Structures are given as C-alpha cells and as structure tokens.
PDB file of all heavy atoms in Angstrom:
ATOM      1  N   ALA A   1     113.238  51.430  96.624  1.00  0.00           N
ATOM      2  CA  ALA A   1     114.321  51.998  97.453  1.00  0.00           C
ATOM      3  C   ALA A   1     114.217  51.548  98.888  1.00  0.00           C
ATOM      4  O   ALA A   1     113.208  51.043  99.315  1.00  0.00           O
ATOM      5  CB  ALA A   1     114.272  53.523  97.404  1.00  0.00           C
ATOM      6  N   ARG A   2     115.331  51.749  99.597  1.00  0.00           N
ATOM      7  CA  ARG A   2     115.311  51.539 101.051  1.00  0.00           C
ATOM      8  C   ARG A   2     116.276  52.521 101.662  1.00  0.00           C
ATOM      9  O   ARG A   2     117.149  53.114 101.013  1.00  0.00           O
ATOM     10  CB  ARG A   2     115.732  50.115 101.386  1.00  0.00           C
ATOM     11  CG  ARG A   2     117.147  49.734 100.906  1.00  0.00           C
ATOM     12  CD  ARG A   2     117.387  48.234 101.137  1.00  0.00           C
ATOM     13  NE  ARG A   2     118.653  47.757 100.641  1.00  0.00           N
ATOM     14  CZ  ARG A   2     119.799  47.776 101.268  1.00  0.00           C
ATOM     15  NH1 ARG A   2     119.811  48.151 102.593  1.00  0.00           N
ATOM     16  NH2 ARG A   2     120.937  47.355 100.734  1.00  0.00           N
ATOM     17  N   THR A   3     116.032  52.814 102.954  1.00  0.00           N
ATOM     18  CA  THR A   3     116.817  53.805 103.641  1.00  0.00           C
ATOM     19  C   THR A   3     117.821  53.120 104.577  1.00  0.00           C
ATOM     20  O   THR A   3     117.486  52.229 105.326  1.00  0.00           O
ATOM     21  CB  THR A   3     115.913  54.662 104.470  1.00  0.00           C
ATOM     22  OG1 THR A   3     114.946  55.300 103.671  1.00  0.00           O
ATOM     23  CG2 THR A   3     116.698  55.775 105.239  1.00  0.00           C
ATOM     24  N   VAL A   4     119.099  53.540 104.427  1.00  0.00           N
ATOM     25  CA  VAL A   4     120.183  52.999 105.214  1.00  0.00           C
ATOM     26  C   VAL A   4     120.969  54.205 105.769  1.00  0.00           C
ATOM     27  O   VAL A   4     121.520  54.991 105.072  1.00  0.00           O
ATOM     28  CB  VAL A   4     121.127  52.111 104.391  1.00  0.00           C
ATOM     29  CG1 VAL A   4     122.286  51.614 105.268  1.00  0.00           C
ATOM     30  CG2 VAL A   4     120.368  50.967 103.759  1.00  0.00           C
ATOM     31  N   ARG A   5     120.891  54.320 107.101  1.00  0.00           N
ATOM     32  CA  ARG A   5     121.631  55.370 107.797  1.00  0.00           C
ATOM     33  C   ARG A   5     121.353  56.771 107.222  1.00  0.00           C
ATOM     34  O   ARG A   5     122.171  57.544 106.855  1.00  0.00           O
ATOM     35  CB  ARG A   5     123.195  55.143 107.766  1.00  0.00           C
ATOM     36  CG  ARG A   5     123.591  53.890 108.489  1.00  0.00           C
ATOM     37  CD  ARG A   5     125.032  53.645 108.320  1.00  0.00           C
ATOM     38  NE  ARG A   5     125.481  52.462 109.036  1.00  0.00           N
ATOM     39  CZ  ARG A   5     126.722  51.961 109.105  1.00  0.00           C
ATOM     40  NH1 ARG A   5     127.695  52.674 108.447  1.00  0.00           N
ATOM     41  NH2 ARG A   5     127.016  50.912 109.690  1.00  0.00           N
ATOM     42  N   ARG A   6     120.020  57.005 107.038  1.00  0.00           N
ATOM     43  CA  ARG A   6     119.514  58.279 106.550  1.00  0.00           C
ATOM     44  C   ARG A   6     119.671  58.505 105.071  1.00  0.00           C
ATOM     45  O   ARG A   6     119.328  59.583 104.580  1.00  0.00           O
ATOM     46  CB  ARG A   6     120.074  59.435 107.367  1.00  0.00           C
ATOM     47  CG  ARG A   6     119.689  59.381 108.827  1.00  0.00           C
ATOM     48  CD  ARG A   6     120.171  60.685 109.564  1.00  0.00           C
ATOM     49  NE  ARG A   6     119.830  60.599 110.959  1.00  0.00           N
ATOM     50  CZ  ARG A   6     120.101  61.539 111.872  1.00  0.00           C
ATOM     51  NH1 ARG A   6     120.715  62.684 111.412  1.00  0.00           N
ATOM     52  NH2 ARG A   6     119.746  61.480 113.087  1.00  0.00           N
ATOM     53  N   ASP A   7     120.328  57.572 104.401  1.00  0.00           N
ATOM     54  CA  ASP A   7     120.543  57.680 102.924  1.00  0.00           C
ATOM     55  C   ASP A   7     119.561  56.759 102.231  1.00  0.00           C
ATOM     56  O   ASP A   7     119.343  55.691 102.703  1.00  0.00           O
ATOM     57  CB  ASP A   7     121.983  57.308 102.535  1.00  0.00           C
ATOM     58  CG  ASP A   7     123.001  58.355 103.013  1.00  0.00           C
ATOM     59  OD1 ASP A   7     122.608  59.567 103.131  1.00  0.00           O
ATOM     60  OD2 ASP A   7     124.097  57.975 103.260  1.00  0.00           O
ATOM     61  N   THR A   8     118.942  57.281 101.122  1.00  0.00           N
ATOM     62  CA  THR A   8     118.105  56.482 100.342  1.00  0.00           C
ATOM     63  C   THR A   8     118.853  55.761  99.272  1.00  0.00           C
ATOM     64  O   THR A   8     119.512  56.444  98.465  1.00  0.00           O
ATOM     65  CB  THR A   8     116.948  57.369  99.794  1.00  0.00           C
ATOM     66  OG1 THR A   8     116.274  58.043 100.855  1.00  0.00           O
ATOM     67  CG2 THR A   8     115.966  56.524  98.997  1.00  0.00           C
ATOM     68  N   ILE A   9     118.717  54.479  99.199  1.00  0.00           N
ATOM     69  CA  ILE A   9     119.479  53.638  98.229  1.00  0.00           C
ATOM     70  C   ILE A   9     118.503  53.020  97.256  1.00  0.00           C
ATOM     71  O   ILE A   9     117.451  52.454  97.629  1.00  0.00           O
ATOM     72  CB  ILE A   9     120.257  52.579  98.967  1.00  0.00           C
ATOM     73  CG1 ILE A   9     121.302  53.206  99.924  1.00  0.00           C
ATOM     74  CG2 ILE A   9     120.982  51.724  97.970  1.00  0.00           C
ATOM     75  CD1 ILE A   9     121.980  52.162 100.793  1.00  0.00           C
ATOM     76  N   LYS A  10     118.818  53.133  95.998  1.00  0.00           N
ATOM     77  CA  LYS A  10     118.012  52.469  94.927  1.00  0.00           C
ATOM     78  C   LYS A  10     118.283  50.959  94.939  1.00  0.00           C
ATOM     79  O   LYS A  10     119.418  50.556  95.015  1.00  0.00           O
ATOM     80  CB  LYS A  10     118.305  53.066  93.587  1.00  0.00           C
ATOM     81  CG  LYS A  10     117.899  54.527  93.353  1.00  0.00           C
ATOM     82  CD  LYS A  10     118.189  55.036  91.987  1.00  0.00           C
ATOM     83  CE  LYS A  10     119.689  55.057  91.711  1.00  0.00           C
ATOM     84  NZ  LYS A  10     119.984  55.674  90.373  1.00  0.00           N
ATOM     85  N   VAL A  11     117.204  50.212  94.980  1.00  0.00           N
ATOM     86  CA  VAL A  11     117.396  48.737  95.031  1.00  0.00           C
ATOM     87  C   VAL A  11     117.078  48.062  93.665  1.00  0.00           C
ATOM     88  O   VAL A  11     117.787  47.164  93.256  1.00  0.00           O
ATOM     89  CB  VAL A  11     116.426  48.139  96.107  1.00  0.00           C
ATOM     90  CG1 VAL A  11     116.493  46.640  96.102  1.00  0.00           C
ATOM     91  CG2 VAL A  11     116.725  48.727  97.498  1.00  0.00           C
ATOM     92  N   GLU A  12     116.001  48.516  92.993  1.00  0.00           N
ATOM     93  CA  GLU A  12     115.573  47.794  91.794  1.00  0.00           C
ATOM     94  C   GLU A  12     114.819  48.758  90.948  1.00  0.00           C
ATOM     95  O   GLU A  12     113.908  49.467  91.441  1.00  0.00           O
ATOM     96  CB  GLU A  12     114.763  46.630  92.206  1.00  0.00           C
ATOM     97  CG  GLU A  12     114.046  45.892  91.044  1.00  0.00           C
ATOM     98  CD  GLU A  12     113.114  44.876  91.549  1.00  0.00           C
ATOM     99  OE1 GLU A  12     112.847  44.746  92.763  1.00  0.00           O
ATOM    100  OE2 GLU A  12     112.527  44.135  90.653  1.00  0.00           O
ATOM    101  N   SER A  13     115.062  48.837  89.651  1.00  0.00           N
ATOM    102  CA  SER A  13     114.303  49.634  88.724  1.00  0.00           C
ATOM    103  C   SER A  13     112.988  48.928  88.324  1.00  0.00           C
ATOM    104  O   SER A  13     113.046  47.752  87.927  1.00  0.00           O
ATOM    105  CB  SER A  13     115.114  49.920  87.449  1.00  0.00           C
ATOM    106  OG  SER A  13     114.368  50.694  86.545  1.00  0.00           O
ATOM    107  N   ILE A  14     111.887  49.566  88.523  1.00  0.00           N
ATOM    108  CA  ILE A  14     110.634  48.862  88.221  1.00  0.00           C
ATOM    109  C   ILE A  14     109.742  49.560  87.148  1.00  0.00           C
ATOM    110  O   ILE A  14     108.755  48.973  86.678  1.00  0.00           O
ATOM    111  CB  ILE A  14     109.765  48.814  89.549  1.00  0.00           C
ATOM    112  CG1 ILE A  14     109.399  50.206  90.038  1.00  0.00           C
ATOM    113  CG2 ILE A  14     110.499  47.993  90.605  1.00  0.00           C
ATOM    114  CD1 ILE A  14     108.427  50.191  91.199  1.00  0.00           C
ATOM    115  N   TYR A  15     110.109  50.778  86.741  1.00  0.00           N
ATOM    116  CA  TYR A  15     109.304  51.442  85.737  1.00  0.00           C
ATOM    117  C   TYR A  15     110.204  52.494  85.060  1.00  0.00           C
ATOM    118  O   TYR A  15     110.961  53.225  85.670  1.00  0.00           O
ATOM    119  CB  TYR A  15     108.144  52.127  86.366  1.00  0.00           C
ATOM    120  CG  TYR A  15     107.199  52.891  85.371  1.00  0.00           C
ATOM    121  CD1 TYR A  15     106.401  52.159  84.541  1.00  0.00           C
ATOM    122  CD2 TYR A  15     107.275  54.227  85.303  1.00  0.00           C
ATOM    123  CE1 TYR A  15     105.561  52.873  83.626  1.00  0.00           C
ATOM    124  CE2 TYR A  15     106.447  54.941  84.396  1.00  0.00           C
ATOM    125  CZ  TYR A  15     105.634  54.235  83.602  1.00  0.00           C
ATOM    126  OH  TYR A  15     104.811  54.907  82.693  1.00  0.00           O
ATOM    127  N   SER A  16     110.039  52.603  83.710  1.00  0.00           N
ATOM    128  CA  SER A  16     110.774  53.606  82.929  1.00  0.00           C
ATOM    129  C   SER A  16     109.916  54.063  81.774  1.00  0.00           C
ATOM    130  O   SER A  16     109.175  53.223  81.160  1.00  0.00           O
ATOM    131  CB  SER A  16     112.068  52.972  82.399  1.00  0.00           C
ATOM    132  OG  SER A  16     112.879  53.965  81.692  1.00  0.00           O
ATOM    133  N   LYS A  17     110.045  55.348  81.473  1.00  0.00           N
ATOM    134  CA  LYS A  17     109.197  55.911  80.354  1.00  0.00           C
ATOM    135  C   LYS A  17     109.955  57.066  79.771  1.00  0.00           C
ATOM    136  O   LYS A  17     110.422  57.981  80.476  1.00  0.00           O
ATOM    137  CB  LYS A  17     107.830  56.284  80.905  1.00  0.00           C
ATOM    138  CG  LYS A  17     106.937  57.083  79.908  1.00  0.00           C
ATOM    139  CD  LYS A  17     105.701  57.571  80.578  1.00  0.00           C
ATOM    140  CE  LYS A  17     104.896  58.414  79.611  1.00  0.00           C
ATOM    141  NZ  LYS A  17     105.567  59.714  79.200  1.00  0.00           N
ATOM    142  N   THR A  18     110.042  57.151  78.432  1.00  0.00           N
ATOM    143  CA  THR A  18     110.556  58.333  77.767  1.00  0.00           C
ATOM    144  C   THR A  18     109.524  59.427  77.785  1.00  0.00           C
ATOM    145  O   THR A  18     108.379  59.221  77.545  1.00  0.00           O
ATOM    146  CB  THR A  18     110.939  58.011  76.308  1.00  0.00           C
ATOM    147  OG1 THR A  18     111.900  56.937  76.298  1.00  0.00           O
ATOM    148  CG2 THR A  18     111.446  59.220  75.601  1.00  0.00           C
ATOM    149  N   ILE A  19     109.986  60.626  78.128  1.00  0.00           N
ATOM    150  CA  ILE A  19     109.028  61.808  78.203  1.00  0.00           C
ATOM    151  C   ILE A  19     108.943  62.467  76.844  1.00  0.00           C
ATOM    152  O   ILE A  19     109.935  62.839  76.194  1.00  0.00           O
ATOM    153  CB  ILE A  19     109.641  62.817  79.242  1.00  0.00           C
ATOM    154  CG1 ILE A  19     109.712  62.136  80.631  1.00  0.00           C
ATOM    155  CG2 ILE A  19     108.750  64.105  79.312  1.00  0.00           C
ATOM    156  CD1 ILE A  19     110.438  63.002  81.651  1.00  0.00           C
ATOM    157  N   GLY A  20     107.759  62.564  76.399  1.00  0.00           N
ATOM    158  CA  GLY A  20     107.478  63.158  75.000  1.00  0.00           C
ATOM    159  C   GLY A  20     107.524  64.683  75.111  1.00  0.00           C
ATOM    160  O   GLY A  20     107.127  65.296  76.169  1.00  0.00           O
ATOM    161  N   SER A  21     107.841  65.331  74.050  1.00  0.00           N
ATOM    162  CA  SER A  21     107.901  66.817  73.951  1.00  0.00           C
ATOM    163  C   SER A  21     106.525  67.394  74.155  1.00  0.00           C
ATOM    164  O   SER A  21     106.409  68.530  74.675  1.00  0.00           O
ATOM    165  CB  SER A  21     108.461  67.179  72.629  1.00  0.00           C
ATOM    166  OG  SER A  21     107.691  66.691  71.507  1.00  0.00           O
ATOM    167  N   GLU A  22     105.447  66.640  73.840  1.00  0.00           N
ATOM    168  CA  GLU A  22     104.120  67.177  73.993  1.00  0.00           C
ATOM    169  C   GLU A  22     103.679  67.226  75.508  1.00  0.00           C
ATOM    170  O   GLU A  22     102.718  67.888  75.822  1.00  0.00           O
ATOM    171  CB  GLU A  22     103.131  66.308  73.253  1.00  0.00           C
ATOM    172  CG  GLU A  22     102.856  64.907  73.862  1.00  0.00           C
ATOM    173  CD  GLU A  22     103.920  63.887  73.517  1.00  0.00           C
ATOM    174  OE1 GLU A  22     104.905  64.317  72.781  1.00  0.00           O
ATOM    175  OE2 GLU A  22     103.804  62.729  73.974  1.00  0.00           O
ATOM    176  N   GLU A  23     104.471  66.615  76.324  1.00  0.00           N
ATOM    177  CA  GLU A  23     104.166  66.615  77.804  1.00  0.00           C
ATOM    178  C   GLU A  23     104.810  67.854  78.464  1.00  0.00           C
ATOM    179  O   GLU A  23     104.562  68.102  79.631  1.00  0.00           O
ATOM    180  CB  GLU A  23     104.637  65.399  78.467  1.00  0.00           C
ATOM    181  CG  GLU A  23     104.021  64.076  77.936  1.00  0.00           C
ATOM    182  CD  GLU A  23     104.622  62.848  78.579  1.00  0.00           C
ATOM    183  OE1 GLU A  23     104.087  62.504  79.693  1.00  0.00           O
ATOM    184  OE2 GLU A  23     105.557  62.248  78.004  1.00  0.00           O
ATOM    185  N   ILE A  24     105.678  68.598  77.765  1.00  0.00           N
ATOM    186  CA  ILE A  24     106.454  69.674  78.343  1.00  0.00           C
ATOM    187  C   ILE A  24     105.640  70.924  78.383  1.00  0.00           C
ATOM    188  O   ILE A  24     104.908  71.272  77.426  1.00  0.00           O
ATOM    189  CB  ILE A  24     107.730  69.894  77.594  1.00  0.00           C
ATOM    190  CG1 ILE A  24     108.577  68.610  77.543  1.00  0.00           C
ATOM    191  CG2 ILE A  24     108.536  71.104  78.109  1.00  0.00           C
ATOM    192  CD1 ILE A  24     109.101  68.229  78.916  1.00  0.00           C
ATOM    193  N   SER A  25     105.682  71.657  79.506  1.00  0.00           N
ATOM    194  CA  SER A  25     105.066  73.038  79.625  1.00  0.00           C
ATOM    195  C   SER A  25     106.155  73.989  79.904  1.00  0.00           C
ATOM    196  O   SER A  25     106.867  73.921  80.931  1.00  0.00           O
ATOM    197  CB  SER A  25     104.081  72.958  80.728  1.00  0.00           C
ATOM    198  OG  SER A  25     102.994  72.060  80.542  1.00  0.00           O
ATOM    199  N   SER A  26     106.385  74.945  78.991  1.00  0.00           N
ATOM    200  CA  SER A  26     107.428  75.916  79.113  1.00  0.00           C
ATOM    201  C   SER A  26     106.808  77.342  79.331  1.00  0.00           C
ATOM    202  O   SER A  26     105.717  77.573  78.917  1.00  0.00           O
ATOM    203  CB  SER A  26     108.379  75.943  77.932  1.00  0.00           C
ATOM    204  OG  SER A  26     109.053  74.698  77.785  1.00  0.00           O
ATOM    205  N   GLY A  27     107.615  78.237  79.941  1.00  0.00           N
ATOM    206  CA  GLY A  27     107.170  79.599  80.137  1.00  0.00           C
ATOM    207  C   GLY A  27     106.034  79.683  81.166  1.00  0.00           C
ATOM    208  O   GLY A  27     105.173  80.555  81.067  1.00  0.00           O
ATOM    209  N   VAL A  28     106.098  78.797  82.174  1.00  0.00           N
ATOM    210  CA  VAL A  28     105.086  78.817  83.235  1.00  0.00           C
ATOM    211  C   VAL A  28     105.724  78.605  84.532  1.00  0.00           C
ATOM    212  O   VAL A  28     106.864  78.075  84.646  1.00  0.00           O
ATOM    213  CB  VAL A  28     104.012  77.688  83.010  1.00  0.00           C
ATOM    214  CG1 VAL A  28     103.227  77.950  81.740  1.00  0.00           C
ATOM    215  CG2 VAL A  28     104.684  76.326  82.947  1.00  0.00           C
ATOM    216  N   ILE A  29     105.051  78.995  85.607  1.00  0.00           N
ATOM    217  CA  ILE A  29     105.491  78.679  86.988  1.00  0.00           C
ATOM    218  C   ILE A  29     104.242  78.193  87.743  1.00  0.00           C
ATOM    219  O   ILE A  29     103.116  78.615  87.454  1.00  0.00           O
ATOM    220  CB  ILE A  29     106.138  79.859  87.761  1.00  0.00           C
ATOM    221  CG1 ILE A  29     105.194  81.076  87.720  1.00  0.00           C
ATOM    222  CG2 ILE A  29     107.467  80.203  87.140  1.00  0.00           C
ATOM    223  CD1 ILE A  29     105.707  82.206  88.556  1.00  0.00           C
ATOM    224  N   PRO A  30     104.390  77.220  88.715  1.00  0.00           N
ATOM    225  CA  PRO A  30     103.244  76.806  89.463  1.00  0.00           C
ATOM    226  C   PRO A  30     102.987  77.772  90.653  1.00  0.00           C
ATOM    227  O   PRO A  30     103.906  78.192  91.333  1.00  0.00           O
ATOM    228  CB  PRO A  30     103.675  75.439  90.015  1.00  0.00           C
ATOM    229  CG  PRO A  30     105.237  75.533  90.009  1.00  0.00           C
ATOM    230  CD  PRO A  30     105.633  76.443  88.946  1.00  0.00           C
ATOM    231  N   VAL A  31     101.733  78.092  90.792  1.00  0.00           N
ATOM    232  CA  VAL A  31     101.307  78.949  91.884  1.00  0.00           C
ATOM    233  C   VAL A  31     100.418  78.152  92.855  1.00  0.00           C
ATOM    234  O   VAL A  31      99.565  77.366  92.438  1.00  0.00           O
ATOM    235  CB  VAL A  31     100.490  80.181  91.307  1.00  0.00           C
ATOM    236  CG1 VAL A  31     100.014  81.075  92.439  1.00  0.00           C
ATOM    237  CG2 VAL A  31     101.360  80.979  90.331  1.00  0.00           C
ATOM    238  N   LEU A  32     100.673  78.337  94.200  1.00  0.00           N
ATOM    239  CA  LEU A  32      99.968  77.622  95.153  1.00  0.00           C
ATOM    240  C   LEU A  32      98.595  78.327  95.473  1.00  0.00           C
ATOM    241  O   LEU A  32      98.579  79.514  95.772  1.00  0.00           O
ATOM    242  CB  LEU A  32     100.745  77.516  96.468  1.00  0.00           C
ATOM    243  CG  LEU A  32     100.118  76.728  97.604  1.00  0.00           C
ATOM    244  CD1 LEU A  32      99.926  75.249  97.274  1.00  0.00           C
ATOM    245  CD2 LEU A  32     100.972  76.871  98.927  1.00  0.00           C
ATOM    246  N   GLU A  33      97.523  77.536  95.419  1.00  0.00           N
ATOM    247  CA  GLU A  33      96.209  78.048  95.773  1.00  0.00           C
ATOM    248  C   GLU A  33      95.580  77.132  96.869  1.00  0.00           C
ATOM    249  O   GLU A  33      95.962  75.945  96.916  1.00  0.00           O
ATOM    250  CB  GLU A  33      95.283  78.104  94.615  1.00  0.00           C
ATOM    251  CG  GLU A  33      95.818  79.069  93.480  1.00  0.00           C
ATOM    252  CD  GLU A  33      94.940  79.066  92.266  1.00  0.00           C
ATOM    253  OE1 GLU A  33      94.025  78.207  92.207  1.00  0.00           O
ATOM    254  OE2 GLU A  33      95.181  79.921  91.360  1.00  0.00           O
ATOM    255  N   GLN A  34      94.741  77.673  97.665  1.00  0.00           N
ATOM    256  CA  GLN A  34      94.108  76.884  98.748  1.00  0.00           C
ATOM    257  C   GLN A  34      92.636  76.641  98.508  1.00  0.00           C
ATOM    258  O   GLN A  34      91.864  77.572  98.387  1.00  0.00           O
ATOM    259  CB  GLN A  34      94.262  77.570 100.106  1.00  0.00           C
ATOM    260  CG  GLN A  34      93.712  76.756 101.237  1.00  0.00           C
ATOM    261  CD  GLN A  34      94.269  75.343 101.470  1.00  0.00           C
ATOM    262  OE1 GLN A  34      95.524  75.238 101.397  1.00  0.00           O
ATOM    263  NE2 GLN A  34      93.490  74.364 101.593  1.00  0.00           N
ATOM    264  N   GLY A  35      92.244  75.361  98.291  1.00  0.00           N
ATOM    265  CA  GLY A  35      90.878  75.006  98.230  1.00  0.00           C
ATOM    266  C   GLY A  35      90.604  74.015  99.377  1.00  0.00           C
ATOM    267  O   GLY A  35      91.027  74.278 100.494  1.00  0.00           O
ATOM    268  N   ILE A  36      89.922  72.953  99.088  1.00  0.00           N
ATOM    269  CA  ILE A  36      89.764  71.957 100.139  1.00  0.00           C
ATOM    270  C   ILE A  36      91.139  71.372 100.446  1.00  0.00           C
ATOM    271  O   ILE A  36      91.479  71.039 101.581  1.00  0.00           O
ATOM    272  CB  ILE A  36      88.773  70.807  99.643  1.00  0.00           C
ATOM    273  CG1 ILE A  36      87.357  71.422  99.388  1.00  0.00           C
ATOM    274  CG2 ILE A  36      88.707  69.699 100.603  1.00  0.00           C
ATOM    275  CD1 ILE A  36      86.377  70.423  98.846  1.00  0.00           C
ATOM    276  N   ASP A  37      91.931  71.204  99.406  1.00  0.00           N
ATOM    277  CA  ASP A  37      93.348  70.818  99.545  1.00  0.00           C
ATOM    278  C   ASP A  37      94.269  71.860  98.860  1.00  0.00           C
ATOM    279  O   ASP A  37      93.823  72.488  97.925  1.00  0.00           O
ATOM    280  CB  ASP A  37      93.539  69.483  98.901  1.00  0.00           C
ATOM    281  CG  ASP A  37      92.837  68.313  99.618  1.00  0.00           C
ATOM    282  OD1 ASP A  37      93.266  67.979 100.731  1.00  0.00           O
ATOM    283  OD2 ASP A  37      91.863  67.820  99.021  1.00  0.00           O
ATOM    284  N   PRO A  38      95.490  71.980  99.305  1.00  0.00           N
ATOM    285  CA  PRO A  38      96.403  72.870  98.586  1.00  0.00           C
ATOM    286  C   PRO A  38      96.601  72.349  97.165  1.00  0.00           C
ATOM    287  O   PRO A  38      96.728  71.216  96.862  1.00  0.00           O
ATOM    288  CB  PRO A  38      97.752  72.696  99.406  1.00  0.00           C
ATOM    289  CG  PRO A  38      97.319  72.261 100.760  1.00  0.00           C
ATOM    290  CD  PRO A  38      96.071  71.427 100.581  1.00  0.00           C
ATOM    291  N   THR A  39      96.591  73.357  96.216  1.00  0.00           N
ATOM    292  CA  THR A  39      96.503  73.050  94.812  1.00  0.00           C
ATOM    293  C   THR A  39      97.492  73.909  94.062  1.00  0.00           C
ATOM    294  O   THR A  39      97.766  75.061  94.407  1.00  0.00           O
ATOM    295  CB  THR A  39      95.076  73.279  94.270  1.00  0.00           C
ATOM    296  OG1 THR A  39      94.221  72.374  94.955  1.00  0.00           O
ATOM    297  CG2 THR A  39      95.019  72.975  92.795  1.00  0.00           C
ATOM    298  N   LEU A  40      98.180  73.357  93.043  1.00  0.00           N
ATOM    299  CA  LEU A  40      99.000  74.136  92.154  1.00  0.00           C
ATOM    300  C   LEU A  40      98.272  74.407  90.883  1.00  0.00           C
ATOM    301  O   LEU A  40      97.561  73.551  90.321  1.00  0.00           O
ATOM    302  CB  LEU A  40     100.341  73.370  91.863  1.00  0.00           C
ATOM    303  CG  LEU A  40     101.243  73.120  93.050  1.00  0.00           C
ATOM    304  CD1 LEU A  40     102.448  72.303  92.620  1.00  0.00           C
ATOM    305  CD2 LEU A  40     101.652  74.410  93.762  1.00  0.00           C
ATOM    306  N   ARG A  41      98.569  75.600  90.286  1.00  0.00           N
ATOM    307  CA  ARG A  41      98.027  75.903  88.986  1.00  0.00           C
ATOM    308  C   ARG A  41      99.106  76.719  88.222  1.00  0.00           C
ATOM    309  O   ARG A  41      99.764  77.583  88.777  1.00  0.00           O
ATOM    310  CB  ARG A  41      96.704  76.783  89.087  1.00  0.00           C
ATOM    311  CG  ARG A  41      96.127  77.276  87.814  1.00  0.00           C
ATOM    312  CD  ARG A  41      94.987  78.174  88.005  1.00  0.00           C
ATOM    313  NE  ARG A  41      93.755  77.425  88.347  1.00  0.00           N
ATOM    314  CZ  ARG A  41      92.907  76.922  87.479  1.00  0.00           C
ATOM    315  NH1 ARG A  41      93.154  77.117  86.185  1.00  0.00           N
ATOM    316  NH2 ARG A  41      91.900  76.238  87.858  1.00  0.00           N
ATOM    317  N   PHE A  42      99.255  76.350  86.947  1.00  0.00           N
ATOM    318  CA  PHE A  42     100.297  77.073  86.132  1.00  0.00           C
ATOM    319  C   PHE A  42      99.845  78.487  85.894  1.00  0.00           C
ATOM    320  O   PHE A  42      98.705  78.810  85.599  1.00  0.00           O
ATOM    321  CB  PHE A  42     100.498  76.370  84.846  1.00  0.00           C
ATOM    322  CG  PHE A  42     101.413  75.138  84.895  1.00  0.00           C
ATOM    323  CD1 PHE A  42     101.186  74.019  84.170  1.00  0.00           C
ATOM    324  CD2 PHE A  42     102.546  75.166  85.770  1.00  0.00           C
ATOM    325  CE1 PHE A  42     102.050  72.954  84.253  1.00  0.00           C
ATOM    326  CE2 PHE A  42     103.424  74.103  85.877  1.00  0.00           C
ATOM    327  CZ  PHE A  42     103.149  72.936  85.073  1.00  0.00           C
ATOM    328  N   LYS A  43     100.905  79.362  85.914  1.00  0.00           N
ATOM    329  CA  LYS A  43     100.710  80.797  85.554  1.00  0.00           C
ATOM    330  C   LYS A  43     101.821  81.117  84.493  1.00  0.00           C
ATOM    331  O   LYS A  43     102.929  80.760  84.642  1.00  0.00           O
ATOM    332  CB  LYS A  43     100.872  81.658  86.782  1.00  0.00           C
ATOM    333  CG  LYS A  43     100.790  83.180  86.456  1.00  0.00           C
ATOM    334  CD  LYS A  43     101.014  83.965  87.733  1.00  0.00           C
ATOM    335  CE  LYS A  43     100.935  85.432  87.469  1.00  0.00           C
ATOM    336  NZ  LYS A  43     101.274  86.251  88.696  1.00  0.00           N
TER     337      LYS A  43
END
C-alpha cells in the first residue's frame, strides 16, 4: 500500500490465504491484561 492525501491505496496483492473453520474462535471476547507488554486473552 501507499498513502496519498491521507488515504491508503492498495498497490499490489502479495499474499492470500483461505481461512479454515478450525482457526475460528466463537463465543469469546478478548480481554486486555498488562504484563511486560499489553496482552490480550480470550474470555
């Protein structure tokens, strides 16, 4: 991508992947926790 007058424009597609159903997490929300770095954990 590149930015032109504050708008982000797609220039070239470089990677594509079909998302498998086994990668899906339903019935959860991410919760923010603070460790050494801010971290998300599903609840």
